Amino acid sequence: MVNVICMKWGVKYGPEFVNKLHSMVQRHLSRPHRFVCFTENTAGLNPGIEVKPLPPMNLPPGKERGWRKLSTFSKPLADLAGPTLFLDIDVVIVGSIDCFFDHPGEFCIIHDWQKPWRITGNSSVYRFEAGAHPDILDYFIHNIDRVKSEVRHEQAYLTREIHKQGKLTYWPKEWCVSFKYGCMPKFPLNYFLAPKVPAGARIVVFHGLPNPDEAVIGKGHGILRHCRPTPWINDHWR
């Protein structure tokens, strides 16, 4: 048994994002698994989704920047045990994800696309053993101001600390692709050519803008992020 988990808090994303993620996991993960959503609001979630309360985390006021994801390293993490794959709720799964549980490594994450010379990962997709890294959360909770002065967001802190321990492993780069950097043509071709899924992709990550519901209708953001309608998103994001 393996675990696939996600988190939904606040009002930025509606329940349909979790429902679609759950549906995509059911289609693309063949091994026995639990799908668990940690949330403070269960309204609108499909009955087949296992729901748990958000792990407690007393964050001070301020820009969130994904810090709440660090609560996935609580020990215990609800009643979960074993290999656990975290997925952001705005990703689009386009191929089998069984391989994410076969890839070797104690902690696996995306190597960030924008500045690949850094160790920083992208935490839209990461795998760990449930309950295995409580020190990551504990240090952050007791040193919040210091950590926030050193790094911009949770994924920079997370990969920095895992790297210090010699436990950092990246996914093969073709598995997790950025919609902005891997699917959309570069300016000015983005005004004439629709985004495509690169060969070998398993998960398309929508970090920043546009979101999947915007990209599918061709709603871009600015000149460089202008996006042609992308109907293949709806073939998978359902």
C-alpha atoms as a PDB file:
ATOM      1  CA  MET A   1       0.000   0.000   0.000  1.00  0.00           C
ATOM      2  CA  VAL A   2       1.270   3.456  -0.947  1.00  0.00           C
ATOM      3  CA  ASN A   3      -0.144   6.911  -0.258  1.00  0.00           C
ATOM      4  CA  VAL A   4      -0.952   9.846  -2.517  1.00  0.00           C
ATOM      5  CA  ILE A   5      -1.653  13.007  -0.561  1.00  0.00           C
ATOM      6  CA  CYS A   6      -2.628  16.588  -1.330  1.00  0.00           C
ATOM      7  CA  MET A   7      -3.544  19.688   0.649  1.00  0.00           C
ATOM      8  CA  LYS A   8      -6.262  22.292   0.145  1.00  0.00           C
ATOM      9  CA  TRP A   9      -6.596  25.312   2.374  1.00  0.00           C
ATOM     10  CA  GLY A  10      -8.128  28.742   1.971  1.00  0.00           C
ATOM     11  CA  VAL A  11     -10.188  29.788  -1.052  1.00  0.00           C
ATOM     12  CA  LYS A  12      -7.649  29.963  -3.881  1.00  0.00           C
ATOM     13  CA  TYR A  13      -8.709  26.586  -5.296  1.00  0.00           C
ATOM     14  CA  GLY A  14     -12.165  25.029  -5.279  1.00  0.00           C
ATOM     15  CA  PRO A  15     -13.022  21.401  -4.497  1.00  0.00           C
ATOM     16  CA  GLU A  16     -13.081  20.559  -8.222  1.00  0.00           C
ATOM     17  CA  PHE A  17      -9.275  20.677  -8.254  1.00  0.00           C
ATOM     18  CA  VAL A  18      -9.104  17.911  -5.641  1.00  0.00           C
ATOM     19  CA  ASN A  19     -11.868  15.904  -7.320  1.00  0.00           C
ATOM     20  CA  LYS A  20     -10.063  15.989 -10.663  1.00  0.00           C
ATOM     21  CA  LEU A  21      -6.738  15.115  -9.065  1.00  0.00           C
ATOM     22  CA  HIS A  22      -8.344  12.129  -7.348  1.00  0.00           C
ATOM     23  CA  SER A  23      -9.865  10.978 -10.643  1.00  0.00           C
ATOM     24  CA  MET A  24      -6.524  11.295 -12.461  1.00  0.00           C
ATOM     25  CA  VAL A  25      -4.715   9.303  -9.758  1.00  0.00           C
ATOM     26  CA  GLN A  26      -7.291   6.521  -9.988  1.00  0.00           C
ATOM     27  CA  ARG A  27      -6.706   6.272 -13.742  1.00  0.00           C
ATOM     28  CA  HIS A  28      -2.917   6.514 -13.673  1.00  0.00           C
ATOM     29  CA  LEU A  29      -1.821   4.621 -10.543  1.00  0.00           C
ATOM     30  CA  SER A  30      -2.270   0.871 -10.824  1.00  0.00           C
ATOM     31  CA  ARG A  31      -0.988  -0.282  -7.427  1.00  0.00           C
ATOM     32  CA  PRO A  32      -3.081  -0.347  -4.225  1.00  0.00           C
ATOM     33  CA  HIS A  33      -3.097   3.084  -2.654  1.00  0.00           C
ATOM     34  CA  ARG A  34      -4.796   5.559  -0.390  1.00  0.00           C
ATOM     35  CA  PHE A  35      -5.694   9.008  -1.703  1.00  0.00           C
ATOM     36  CA  VAL A  36      -5.836  11.488   1.163  1.00  0.00           C
ATOM     37  CA  CYS A  37      -6.699  15.182   1.083  1.00  0.00           C
ATOM     38  CA  PHE A  38      -5.705  17.288   4.081  1.00  0.00           C
ATOM     39  CA  THR A  39      -8.105  20.225   4.326  1.00  0.00           C
ATOM     40  CA  GLU A  40     -10.109  22.429   6.669  1.00  0.00           C
ATOM     41  CA  ASN A  41     -13.104  22.479   4.303  1.00  0.00           C
ATOM     42  CA  THR A  42     -14.623  19.249   2.953  1.00  0.00           C
ATOM     43  CA  ALA A  43     -17.487  20.946   1.087  1.00  0.00           C
ATOM     44  CA  GLY A  44     -17.816  19.727  -2.492  1.00  0.00           C
ATOM     45  CA  LEU A  45     -15.291  16.897  -2.262  1.00  0.00           C
ATOM     46  CA  ASN A  46     -16.291  13.597  -3.842  1.00  0.00           C
ATOM     47  CA  PRO A  47     -17.342  10.882  -1.359  1.00  0.00           C
ATOM     48  CA  GLY A  48     -14.569   8.529  -2.512  1.00  0.00           C
ATOM     49  CA  ILE A  49     -11.847  10.904  -1.293  1.00  0.00           C
ATOM     50  CA  GLU A  50     -10.339  10.141   2.107  1.00  0.00           C
ATOM     51  CA  VAL A  51     -10.233  13.391   4.065  1.00  0.00           C
ATOM     52  CA  LYS A  52      -8.071  14.308   7.049  1.00  0.00           C
ATOM     53  CA  PRO A  53      -7.786  17.580   8.988  1.00  0.00           C
ATOM     54  CA  LEU A  54      -4.876  19.840   8.123  1.00  0.00           C
ATOM     55  CA  PRO A  55      -1.934  18.979  10.400  1.00  0.00           C
ATOM     56  CA  PRO A  56      -1.681  21.693  13.077  1.00  0.00           C
ATOM     57  CA  MET A  57       0.729  24.468  12.197  1.00  0.00           C
ATOM     58  CA  ASN A  58       0.712  27.844  13.925  1.00  0.00           C
ATOM     59  CA  LEU A  59       1.958  30.158  11.194  1.00  0.00           C
ATOM     60  CA  PRO A  60       2.416  33.890  11.888  1.00  0.00           C
ATOM     61  CA  PRO A  61       0.632  36.390   9.614  1.00  0.00           C
ATOM     62  CA  GLY A  62       2.315  37.090   6.291  1.00  0.00           C
ATOM     63  CA  LYS A  63       2.588  35.876   2.723  1.00  0.00           C
ATOM     64  CA  GLU A  64       2.071  32.113   2.802  1.00  0.00           C
ATOM     65  CA  ARG A  65       4.471  30.900   0.062  1.00  0.00           C
ATOM     66  CA  GLY A  66       3.634  27.231   0.637  1.00  0.00           C
ATOM     67  CA  TRP A  67       4.945  26.984   4.206  1.00  0.00           C
ATOM     68  CA  ARG A  68       1.955  24.878   5.228  1.00  0.00           C
ATOM     69  CA  LYS A  69       3.253  22.035   3.036  1.00  0.00           C
ATOM     70  CA  LEU A  70       5.980  21.490   5.632  1.00  0.00           C
ATOM     71  CA  SER A  71       3.297  20.047   7.921  1.00  0.00           C
ATOM     72  CA  THR A  72       3.350  16.931   5.727  1.00  0.00           C
ATOM     73  CA  PHE A  73       6.494  16.069   7.719  1.00  0.00           C
ATOM     74  CA  SER A  74       4.547  15.779  10.958  1.00  0.00           C
ATOM     75  CA  LYS A  75       5.159  12.614  12.950  1.00  0.00           C
ATOM     76  CA  PRO A  76       2.767  10.964  12.886  1.00  0.00           C
ATOM     77  CA  LEU A  77       1.115  12.175   9.692  1.00  0.00           C
ATOM     78  CA  ALA A  78      -2.446  11.211  10.605  1.00  0.00           C
ATOM     79  CA  ASP A  79      -2.479   7.395  10.372  1.00  0.00           C
ATOM     80  CA  LEU A  80      -0.319   7.150   7.239  1.00  0.00           C
ATOM     81  CA  ALA A  81       2.678   4.860   6.915  1.00  0.00           C
ATOM     82  CA  GLY A  82       4.975   3.934   4.048  1.00  0.00           C
ATOM     83  CA  PRO A  83       5.839   5.582   0.717  1.00  0.00           C
ATOM     84  CA  THR A  84       3.934   8.839   0.305  1.00  0.00           C
ATOM     85  CA  LEU A  85       3.666  10.943  -2.839  1.00  0.00           C
ATOM     86  CA  PHE A  86       2.627  14.583  -2.420  1.00  0.00           C
ATOM     87  CA  LEU A  87       0.906  16.262  -5.377  1.00  0.00           C
ATOM     88  CA  ASP A  88      -0.177  19.884  -5.718  1.00  0.00           C
ATOM     89  CA  ILE A  89      -3.869  20.028  -6.550  1.00  0.00           C
ATOM     90  CA  ASP A  90      -3.320  22.041  -9.749  1.00  0.00           C
ATOM     91  CA  VAL A  91      -1.127  19.493 -11.547  1.00  0.00           C
ATOM     92  CA  VAL A  92      -2.365  17.587 -14.602  1.00  0.00           C
ATOM     93  CA  ILE A  93      -1.438  13.896 -14.817  1.00  0.00           C
ATOM     94  CA  VAL A  94      -0.874  12.784 -18.414  1.00  0.00           C
ATOM     95  CA  GLY A  95       0.687   9.324 -17.966  1.00  0.00           C
ATOM     96  CA  SER A  96       1.257   6.472 -15.530  1.00  0.00           C
ATOM     97  CA  ILE A  97       2.618   7.544 -12.148  1.00  0.00           C
ATOM     98  CA  ASP A  98       3.579   4.068 -10.908  1.00  0.00           C
ATOM     99  CA  CYS A  99       7.199   4.998 -11.653  1.00  0.00           C
ATOM    100  CA  PHE A 100       7.149   7.659  -8.928  1.00  0.00           C
ATOM    101  CA  PHE A 101       7.053   4.860  -6.362  1.00  0.00           C
ATOM    102  CA  ASP A 102       9.742   2.803  -8.114  1.00  0.00           C
ATOM    103  CA  HIS A 103      12.354   5.552  -8.490  1.00  0.00           C
ATOM    104  CA  PRO A 104      15.203   5.030  -5.987  1.00  0.00           C
ATOM    105  CA  GLY A 105      15.905   7.576  -3.294  1.00  0.00           C
ATOM    106  CA  GLU A 106      14.931   8.445   0.261  1.00  0.00           C
ATOM    107  CA  PHE A 107      13.470  11.812  -0.737  1.00  0.00           C
ATOM    108  CA  CYS A 108      12.597  12.605  -4.373  1.00  0.00           C
ATOM    109  CA  ILE A 109      11.502  15.960  -5.794  1.00  0.00           C
ATOM    110  CA  ILE A 110      11.420  17.947  -9.048  1.00  0.00           C
ATOM    111  CA  HIS A 111      14.618  19.810  -9.892  1.00  0.00           C
ATOM    112  CA  ASP A 112      13.411  23.375 -10.441  1.00  0.00           C
ATOM    113  CA  TRP A 113      13.337  24.324 -14.134  1.00  0.00           C
ATOM    114  CA  GLN A 114      14.046  28.043 -13.999  1.00  0.00           C
ATOM    115  CA  LYS A 115      17.529  27.953 -12.438  1.00  0.00           C
ATOM    116  CA  PRO A 116      18.762  24.353 -12.712  1.00  0.00           C
ATOM    117  CA  TRP A 117      22.253  25.233 -11.475  1.00  0.00           C
ATOM    118  CA  ARG A 118      20.775  25.603  -7.969  1.00  0.00           C
ATOM    119  CA  ILE A 119      19.845  22.663  -5.753  1.00  0.00           C
ATOM    120  CA  THR A 120      16.347  24.072  -5.219  1.00  0.00           C
ATOM    121  CA  GLY A 121      13.505  21.702  -6.012  1.00  0.00           C
ATOM    122  CA  ASN A 122       9.905  22.338  -6.975  1.00  0.00           C
ATOM    123  CA  SER A 123       7.599  20.820  -4.376  1.00  0.00           C
ATOM    124  CA  SER A 124       4.625  20.237  -6.664  1.00  0.00           C
ATOM    125  CA  VAL A 125       5.617  16.546  -6.676  1.00  0.00           C
ATOM    126  CA  TYR A 126       7.715  14.908  -3.951  1.00  0.00           C
ATOM    127  CA  ARG A 127       7.961  11.472  -2.308  1.00  0.00           C
ATOM    128  CA  PHE A 128       9.008  10.505   1.178  1.00  0.00           C
ATOM    129  CA  GLU A 129       8.270   7.966   3.898  1.00  0.00           C
ATOM    130  CA  ALA A 130       5.419   9.167   6.080  1.00  0.00           C
ATOM    131  CA  GLY A 131       6.808  10.362   9.413  1.00  0.00           C
ATOM    132  CA  ALA A 132      10.437  10.130   8.280  1.00  0.00           C
ATOM    133  CA  HIS A 133      11.534  13.786   8.449  1.00  0.00           C
ATOM    134  CA  PRO A 134       9.980  15.477  11.505  1.00  0.00           C
ATOM    135  CA  ASP A 135      13.204  17.459  12.005  1.00  0.00           C
ATOM    136  CA  ILE A 136      12.383  19.491   8.865  1.00  0.00           C
ATOM    137  CA  LEU A 137       9.135  20.732  10.383  1.00  0.00           C
ATOM    138  CA  ASP A 138      10.487  21.053  13.922  1.00  0.00           C
ATOM    139  CA  TYR A 139      13.413  23.289  12.931  1.00  0.00           C
ATOM    140  CA  PHE A 140      11.131  25.533  10.863  1.00  0.00           C
ATOM    141  CA  ILE A 141       8.578  25.938  13.667  1.00  0.00           C
ATOM    142  CA  HIS A 142      11.274  26.945  16.144  1.00  0.00           C
ATOM    143  CA  ASN A 143      13.160  29.200  13.713  1.00  0.00           C
ATOM    144  CA  ILE A 144      10.456  30.695  11.486  1.00  0.00           C
ATOM    145  CA  ASP A 145      11.851  34.213  11.294  1.00  0.00           C
ATOM    146  CA  ARG A 146      15.372  33.004  10.605  1.00  0.00           C
ATOM    147  CA  VAL A 147      14.283  30.589   7.870  1.00  0.00           C
ATOM    148  CA  LYS A 148      12.127  33.233   6.196  1.00  0.00           C
ATOM    149  CA  SER A 149      15.075  35.634   6.176  1.00  0.00           C
ATOM    150  CA  GLU A 150      17.273  33.027   4.487  1.00  0.00           C
ATOM    151  CA  VAL A 151      14.969  31.563   1.824  1.00  0.00           C
ATOM    152  CA  ARG A 152      11.996  32.819  -0.168  1.00  0.00           C
ATOM    153  CA  HIS A 153       9.656  29.854   0.100  1.00  0.00           C
ATOM    154  CA  GLU A 154       9.099  26.411   1.547  1.00  0.00           C
ATOM    155  CA  GLN A 155      10.594  24.440  -1.337  1.00  0.00           C
ATOM    156  CA  ALA A 156      13.924  26.257  -1.065  1.00  0.00           C
ATOM    157  CA  TYR A 157      14.081  25.504   2.664  1.00  0.00           C
ATOM    158  CA  LEU A 158      12.972  21.900   2.191  1.00  0.00           C
ATOM    159  CA  THR A 159      15.515  21.007  -0.479  1.00  0.00           C
ATOM    160  CA  ARG A 160      18.290  22.864   1.332  1.00  0.00           C
ATOM    161  CA  GLU A 161      17.755  20.832   4.490  1.00  0.00           C
ATOM    162  CA  ILE A 162      17.321  17.468   2.744  1.00  0.00           C
ATOM    163  CA  HIS A 163      20.461  18.196   0.680  1.00  0.00           C
ATOM    164  CA  LYS A 164      22.431  18.896   3.866  1.00  0.00           C
ATOM    165  CA  GLN A 165      21.513  15.394   5.026  1.00  0.00           C
ATOM    166  CA  GLY A 166      22.640  13.840   1.748  1.00  0.00           C
ATOM    167  CA  LYS A 167      19.149  12.503   1.024  1.00  0.00           C
ATOM    168  CA  LEU A 168      18.113  14.656  -1.958  1.00  0.00           C
ATOM    169  CA  THR A 169      17.176  12.898  -5.212  1.00  0.00           C
ATOM    170  CA  TYR A 170      15.553  14.442  -8.288  1.00  0.00           C
ATOM    171  CA  TRP A 171      12.986  12.874 -10.598  1.00  0.00           C
ATOM    172  CA  PRO A 172      14.090  12.212 -14.195  1.00  0.00           C
ATOM    173  CA  LYS A 173      13.608  15.614 -15.820  1.00  0.00           C
ATOM    174  CA  GLU A 174      11.174  14.392 -18.482  1.00  0.00           C
ATOM    175  CA  TRP A 175       8.641  13.071 -15.934  1.00  0.00           C
ATOM    176  CA  CYS A 176       7.509  16.398 -14.443  1.00  0.00           C
ATOM    177  CA  VAL A 177       7.308  19.251 -16.931  1.00  0.00           C
ATOM    178  CA  SER A 178       6.499  22.892 -16.358  1.00  0.00           C
ATOM    179  CA  PHE A 179       3.554  24.106 -18.413  1.00  0.00           C
ATOM    180  CA  LYS A 180       5.201  27.528 -18.735  1.00  0.00           C
ATOM    181  CA  TYR A 181       8.710  26.363 -19.572  1.00  0.00           C
ATOM    182  CA  GLY A 182       8.159  22.913 -21.064  1.00  0.00           C
ATOM    183  CA  CYS A 183       4.820  23.077 -22.907  1.00  0.00           C
ATOM    184  CA  MET A 184       4.303  26.688 -24.009  1.00  0.00           C
ATOM    185  CA  PRO A 185       6.346  27.935 -26.996  1.00  0.00           C
ATOM    186  CA  LYS A 186       8.636  30.833 -26.199  1.00  0.00           C
ATOM    187  CA  PHE A 187       7.692  34.397 -27.206  1.00  0.00           C
ATOM    188  CA  PRO A 188       6.725  35.282 -29.915  1.00  0.00           C
ATOM    189  CA  LEU A 189       5.748  31.732 -30.998  1.00  0.00           C
ATOM    190  CA  ASN A 190       3.354  31.488 -28.049  1.00  0.00           C
ATOM    191  CA  TYR A 191       1.016  33.828 -30.019  1.00  0.00           C
ATOM    192  CA  PHE A 192       0.798  31.374 -32.927  1.00  0.00           C
ATOM    193  CA  LEU A 193       1.414  27.853 -31.590  1.00  0.00           C
ATOM    194  CA  ALA A 194      -0.559  25.979 -28.962  1.00  0.00           C
ATOM    195  CA  PRO A 195       1.242  24.350 -26.007  1.00  0.00           C
ATOM    196  CA  LYS A 196       2.164  20.664 -26.390  1.00  0.00           C
ATOM    197  CA  VAL A 197       2.996  17.841 -23.982  1.00  0.00           C
ATOM    198  CA  PRO A 198       6.681  16.856 -24.338  1.00  0.00           C
ATOM    199  CA  ALA A 199       7.542  13.200 -24.941  1.00  0.00           C
ATOM    200  CA  GLY A 200       7.966  11.222 -21.748  1.00  0.00           C
ATOM    201  CA  ALA A 201       5.942  13.576 -19.553  1.00  0.00           C
ATOM    202  CA  ARG A 202       3.908  12.047 -16.728  1.00  0.00           C
ATOM    203  CA  ILE A 203       2.826  15.176 -14.831  1.00  0.00           C
ATOM    204  CA  VAL A 204       2.374  18.734 -16.100  1.00  0.00           C
ATOM    205  CA  VAL A 205       2.976  21.288 -13.352  1.00  0.00           C
ATOM    206  CA  PHE A 206       1.094  24.593 -13.357  1.00  0.00           C
ATOM    207  CA  HIS A 207       3.213  26.775 -11.084  1.00  0.00           C
ATOM    208  CA  GLY A 208       2.350  30.445 -11.023  1.00  0.00           C
ATOM    209  CA  LEU A 209       0.087  31.447 -13.914  1.00  0.00           C
ATOM    210  CA  PRO A 210      -1.785  30.307 -15.931  1.00  0.00           C
ATOM    211  CA  ASN A 211      -3.750  27.681 -14.031  1.00  0.00           C
ATOM    212  CA  PRO A 212      -5.178  24.662 -15.910  1.00  0.00           C
ATOM    213  CA  ASP A 213      -8.664  26.178 -16.164  1.00  0.00           C
ATOM    214  CA  GLU A 214      -7.149  29.331 -17.689  1.00  0.00           C
ATOM    215  CA  ALA A 215      -4.757  27.585 -20.075  1.00  0.00           C
ATOM    216  CA  VAL A 216      -7.447  25.352 -21.533  1.00  0.00           C
ATOM    217  CA  ILE A 217      -9.350  28.406 -22.833  1.00  0.00           C
ATOM    218  CA  GLY A 218      -6.208  30.332 -23.783  1.00  0.00           C
ATOM    219  CA  LYS A 219      -6.207  32.878 -20.980  1.00  0.00           C
ATOM    220  CA  GLY A 220      -2.632  34.102 -20.670  1.00  0.00           C
ATOM    221  CA  HIS A 221      -0.929  36.638 -18.434  1.00  0.00           C
ATOM    222  CA  GLY A 222       1.150  39.295 -20.144  1.00  0.00           C
ATOM    223  CA  ILE A 223       3.160  39.121 -23.357  1.00  0.00           C
ATOM    224  CA  LEU A 224       5.505  36.313 -22.358  1.00  0.00           C
ATOM    225  CA  ARG A 225       2.703  34.233 -20.809  1.00  0.00           C
ATOM    226  CA  HIS A 226       0.194  34.681 -23.627  1.00  0.00           C
ATOM    227  CA  CYS A 227      -1.350  31.258 -24.142  1.00  0.00           C
ATOM    228  CA  ARG A 228      -3.214  29.754 -27.077  1.00  0.00           C
ATOM    229  CA  PRO A 229      -6.243  27.566 -26.207  1.00  0.00           C
ATOM    230  CA  THR A 230      -5.005  24.171 -25.022  1.00  0.00           C
ATOM    231  CA  PRO A 231      -7.828  21.626 -25.375  1.00  0.00           C
ATOM    232  CA  TRP A 232      -5.660  18.595 -24.523  1.00  0.00           C
ATOM    233  CA  ILE A 233      -5.762  19.714 -20.888  1.00  0.00           C
ATOM    234  CA  ASN A 234      -9.412  18.682 -20.656  1.00  0.00           C
ATOM    235  CA  ASP A 235      -8.529  15.240 -22.074  1.00  0.00           C
ATOM    236  CA  HIS A 236      -6.560  14.569 -18.884  1.00  0.00           C
ATOM    237  CA  TRP A 237      -7.835  17.057 -16.277  1.00  0.00           C
ATOM    238  CA  ARG A 238     -11.115  15.376 -15.457  1.00  0.00           C
END
